[in-house]
Amino acid sequence: MLVVQGGINDIAQGRDLEKAAENLRAMVRRGKELGLRVALADVLPWNNGWPDAEPKIRRLNELITAVARDEQVPLLPFHDTLEDPERLGRMREEWTSDGDHPSTEGYRRLGELAFRLP
């Protein structure tokens, strides 16, 4: 199983979101060409980038959703799984180790909720 995940680095480095999505599409296609089962994960909430990065994350996640649909691969909802419903666009403090990455509890949550593949 190959899991391709959109990353905050594209946003942090100011890269073109459409180009980032096309790069993810190329990785998905290459995995499929190699005969691998492929899933695509969207971009996590980013506490340290909030609020400025939030619209870009939402836009990239829209593009990632379209790639998953077009390429007929499962979409793993990493963003929604770790988004704090009381602080939209951010992870709960116990779900992040540093405001950028999931904590052990965050990874556990992703494993339990997001990795329910068909």
C-alpha atoms as a PDB file:
ATOM      1  CA  MET A   1       0.000   0.000   0.000  1.00  0.00           C
ATOM      2  CA  LEU A   2       1.311   3.418  -0.992  1.00  0.00           C
ATOM      3  CA  VAL A   3      -0.098   6.405   0.883  1.00  0.00           C
ATOM      4  CA  VAL A   4       0.564   9.754  -0.794  1.00  0.00           C
ATOM      5  CA  GLN A   5       0.001  12.735   1.484  1.00  0.00           C
ATOM      6  CA  GLY A   6      -0.271  16.386   0.631  1.00  0.00           C
ATOM      7  CA  GLY A   7       2.101  18.434   2.750  1.00  0.00           C
ATOM      8  CA  ILE A   8       2.211  21.715   4.554  1.00  0.00           C
ATOM      9  CA  ASN A   9       5.688  22.321   3.115  1.00  0.00           C
ATOM     10  CA  ASP A  10       4.210  23.246  -0.261  1.00  0.00           C
ATOM     11  CA  ILE A  11       2.146  25.922   1.474  1.00  0.00           C
ATOM     12  CA  ALA A  12       4.935  27.063   3.808  1.00  0.00           C
ATOM     13  CA  GLN A  13       7.289  27.449   0.830  1.00  0.00           C
ATOM     14  CA  GLY A  14       4.714  29.418  -1.168  1.00  0.00           C
ATOM     15  CA  ARG A  15       4.451  26.902  -3.995  1.00  0.00           C
ATOM     16  CA  ASP A  16       1.662  26.979  -6.534  1.00  0.00           C
ATOM     17  CA  LEU A  17      -1.203  24.867  -5.170  1.00  0.00           C
ATOM     18  CA  GLU A  18      -2.315  23.577  -8.561  1.00  0.00           C
ATOM     19  CA  LYS A  19       1.242  22.442  -9.289  1.00  0.00           C
ATOM     20  CA  ALA A  20       1.435  20.761  -5.871  1.00  0.00           C
ATOM     21  CA  ALA A  21      -1.773  18.862  -6.627  1.00  0.00           C
ATOM     22  CA  GLU A  22      -0.444  17.805 -10.021  1.00  0.00           C
ATOM     23  CA  ASN A  23       2.742  16.503  -8.368  1.00  0.00           C
ATOM     24  CA  LEU A  24       0.584  14.429  -6.019  1.00  0.00           C
ATOM     25  CA  ARG A  25      -1.389  13.156  -9.028  1.00  0.00           C
ATOM     26  CA  ALA A  26       1.870  12.078 -10.685  1.00  0.00           C
ATOM     27  CA  MET A  27       2.858  10.136  -7.546  1.00  0.00           C
ATOM     28  CA  VAL A  28      -0.547   8.435  -7.421  1.00  0.00           C
ATOM     29  CA  ARG A  29      -0.305   7.485 -11.087  1.00  0.00           C
ATOM     30  CA  ARG A  30       3.225   6.153 -10.691  1.00  0.00           C
ATOM     31  CA  GLY A  31       2.164   4.006  -7.769  1.00  0.00           C
ATOM     32  CA  LYS A  32      -0.718   2.608  -9.790  1.00  0.00           C
ATOM     33  CA  GLU A  33       1.626   1.926 -12.742  1.00  0.00           C
ATOM     34  CA  LEU A  34       3.789  -0.112 -10.367  1.00  0.00           C
ATOM     35  CA  GLY A  35       0.760  -2.174  -9.403  1.00  0.00           C
ATOM     36  CA  LEU A  36       0.476  -0.795  -5.883  1.00  0.00           C
ATOM     37  CA  ARG A  37      -2.728  -0.089  -4.015  1.00  0.00           C
ATOM     38  CA  VAL A  38      -2.702   3.677  -3.595  1.00  0.00           C
ATOM     39  CA  ALA A  39      -4.511   6.006  -1.198  1.00  0.00           C
ATOM     40  CA  LEU A  40      -4.280   9.789  -1.036  1.00  0.00           C
ATOM     41  CA  ALA A  41      -4.291  11.746   2.240  1.00  0.00           C
ATOM     42  CA  ASP A  42      -5.131  15.406   2.524  1.00  0.00           C
ATOM     43  CA  VAL A  43      -3.171  18.139   4.313  1.00  0.00           C
ATOM     44  CA  LEU A  44      -3.367  18.340   8.096  1.00  0.00           C
ATOM     45  CA  PRO A  45      -4.495  21.400  10.014  1.00  0.00           C
ATOM     46  CA  TRP A  46      -1.478  23.579  10.806  1.00  0.00           C
ATOM     47  CA  ASN A  47      -1.533  25.291  14.182  1.00  0.00           C
ATOM     48  CA  ASN A  48       1.683  27.244  13.593  1.00  0.00           C
ATOM     49  CA  GLY A  49       0.463  28.491  10.206  1.00  0.00           C
ATOM     50  CA  TRP A  50      -2.994  29.481  11.365  1.00  0.00           C
ATOM     51  CA  PRO A  51      -4.775  31.679  10.315  1.00  0.00           C
ATOM     52  CA  ASP A  52      -2.790  32.737   7.246  1.00  0.00           C
ATOM     53  CA  ALA A  53      -2.282  29.248   5.818  1.00  0.00           C
ATOM     54  CA  GLU A  54      -5.836  28.052   6.447  1.00  0.00           C
ATOM     55  CA  PRO A  55      -7.400  29.195   3.126  1.00  0.00           C
ATOM     56  CA  LYS A  56      -4.498  27.661   1.209  1.00  0.00           C
ATOM     57  CA  ILE A  57      -4.808  24.365   3.094  1.00  0.00           C
ATOM     58  CA  ARG A  58      -8.537  24.248   2.353  1.00  0.00           C
ATOM     59  CA  ARG A  59      -7.885  24.983  -1.339  1.00  0.00           C
ATOM     60  CA  LEU A  60      -5.150  22.348  -1.635  1.00  0.00           C
ATOM     61  CA  ASN A  61      -7.422  19.836   0.082  1.00  0.00           C
ATOM     62  CA  GLU A  62     -10.141  20.591  -2.495  1.00  0.00           C
ATOM     63  CA  LEU A  63      -7.624  19.874  -5.235  1.00  0.00           C
ATOM     64  CA  ILE A  64      -6.472  16.680  -3.489  1.00  0.00           C
ATOM     65  CA  THR A  65     -10.084  15.526  -3.222  1.00  0.00           C
ATOM     66  CA  ALA A  66     -10.470  16.046  -6.977  1.00  0.00           C
ATOM     67  CA  VAL A  67      -7.284  14.049  -7.663  1.00  0.00           C
ATOM     68  CA  ALA A  68      -8.526  11.165  -5.517  1.00  0.00           C
ATOM     69  CA  ARG A  69     -11.861  11.190  -7.324  1.00  0.00           C
ATOM     70  CA  ASP A  70     -10.312  11.444 -10.804  1.00  0.00           C
ATOM     71  CA  GLU A  71      -7.722   8.748 -10.113  1.00  0.00           C
ATOM     72  CA  GLN A  72     -10.271   6.550  -8.314  1.00  0.00           C
ATOM     73  CA  VAL A  73      -8.199   6.087  -5.164  1.00  0.00           C
ATOM     74  CA  PRO A  74      -9.403   6.330  -1.551  1.00  0.00           C
ATOM     75  CA  LEU A  75      -9.070   9.707   0.140  1.00  0.00           C
ATOM     76  CA  LEU A  76      -7.860   9.557   3.741  1.00  0.00           C
ATOM     77  CA  PRO A  77      -9.380  12.498   5.666  1.00  0.00           C
ATOM     78  CA  PHE A  78      -6.347  13.451   7.731  1.00  0.00           C
ATOM     79  CA  HIS A  79      -7.448  17.089   8.018  1.00  0.00           C
ATOM     80  CA  ASP A  80     -10.925  16.400   9.324  1.00  0.00           C
ATOM     81  CA  THR A  81      -9.675  13.619  11.589  1.00  0.00           C
ATOM     82  CA  LEU A  82      -7.312  15.967  13.433  1.00  0.00           C
ATOM     83  CA  GLU A  83      -9.190  19.272  13.159  1.00  0.00           C
ATOM     84  CA  ASP A  84     -10.390  20.608  16.498  1.00  0.00           C
ATOM     85  CA  PRO A  85     -14.133  21.300  16.097  1.00  0.00           C
ATOM     86  CA  GLU A  86     -13.815  24.122  18.622  1.00  0.00           C
ATOM     87  CA  ARG A  87     -10.837  25.739  16.854  1.00  0.00           C
ATOM     88  CA  LEU A  88     -11.310  25.220  13.134  1.00  0.00           C
ATOM     89  CA  GLY A  89      -8.136  25.025  11.119  1.00  0.00           C
ATOM     90  CA  ARG A  90      -6.088  23.766  14.053  1.00  0.00           C
ATOM     91  CA  MET A  91      -5.369  20.477  15.761  1.00  0.00           C
ATOM     92  CA  ARG A  92      -6.250  19.946  19.387  1.00  0.00           C
ATOM     93  CA  GLU A  93      -3.185  20.463  21.559  1.00  0.00           C
ATOM     94  CA  GLU A  94      -3.090  16.786  22.539  1.00  0.00           C
ATOM     95  CA  TRP A  95      -3.120  15.791  18.857  1.00  0.00           C
ATOM     96  CA  THR A  96       0.021  17.757  17.918  1.00  0.00           C
ATOM     97  CA  SER A  97       3.541  17.526  19.286  1.00  0.00           C
ATOM     98  CA  ASP A  98       4.762  20.892  18.038  1.00  0.00           C
ATOM     99  CA  GLY A  99       1.960  22.676  16.179  1.00  0.00           C
ATOM    100  CA  ASP A 100       3.214  21.244  12.889  1.00  0.00           C
ATOM    101  CA  HIS A 101       3.127  17.452  13.270  1.00  0.00           C
ATOM    102  CA  PRO A 102       0.797  15.002  14.972  1.00  0.00           C
ATOM    103  CA  SER A 103       1.658  13.757  18.440  1.00  0.00           C
ATOM    104  CA  THR A 104       1.601  10.073  19.334  1.00  0.00           C
ATOM    105  CA  GLU A 105      -2.088  10.536  20.170  1.00  0.00           C
ATOM    106  CA  GLY A 106      -2.647  12.305  16.832  1.00  0.00           C
ATOM    107  CA  TYR A 107      -1.034   9.469  14.907  1.00  0.00           C
ATOM    108  CA  ARG A 108      -3.089   6.972  16.892  1.00  0.00           C
ATOM    109  CA  ARG A 109      -6.226   8.877  15.913  1.00  0.00           C
ATOM    110  CA  LEU A 110      -5.220   8.843  12.247  1.00  0.00           C
ATOM    111  CA  GLY A 111      -4.560   5.132  12.433  1.00  0.00           C
ATOM    112  CA  GLU A 112      -7.876   4.350  14.088  1.00  0.00           C
ATOM    113  CA  LEU A 113     -10.133   6.675  12.124  1.00  0.00           C
ATOM    114  CA  ALA A 114      -8.555   7.513   8.795  1.00  0.00           C
ATOM    115  CA  PHE A 115      -7.056   4.174   7.786  1.00  0.00           C
ATOM    116  CA  ARG A 116     -10.306   2.345   7.232  1.00  0.00           C
ATOM    117  CA  LEU A 117      -9.564   1.435   3.663  1.00  0.00           C
ATOM    118  CA  PRO A 118     -11.963  -0.453   1.447  1.00  0.00           C
END
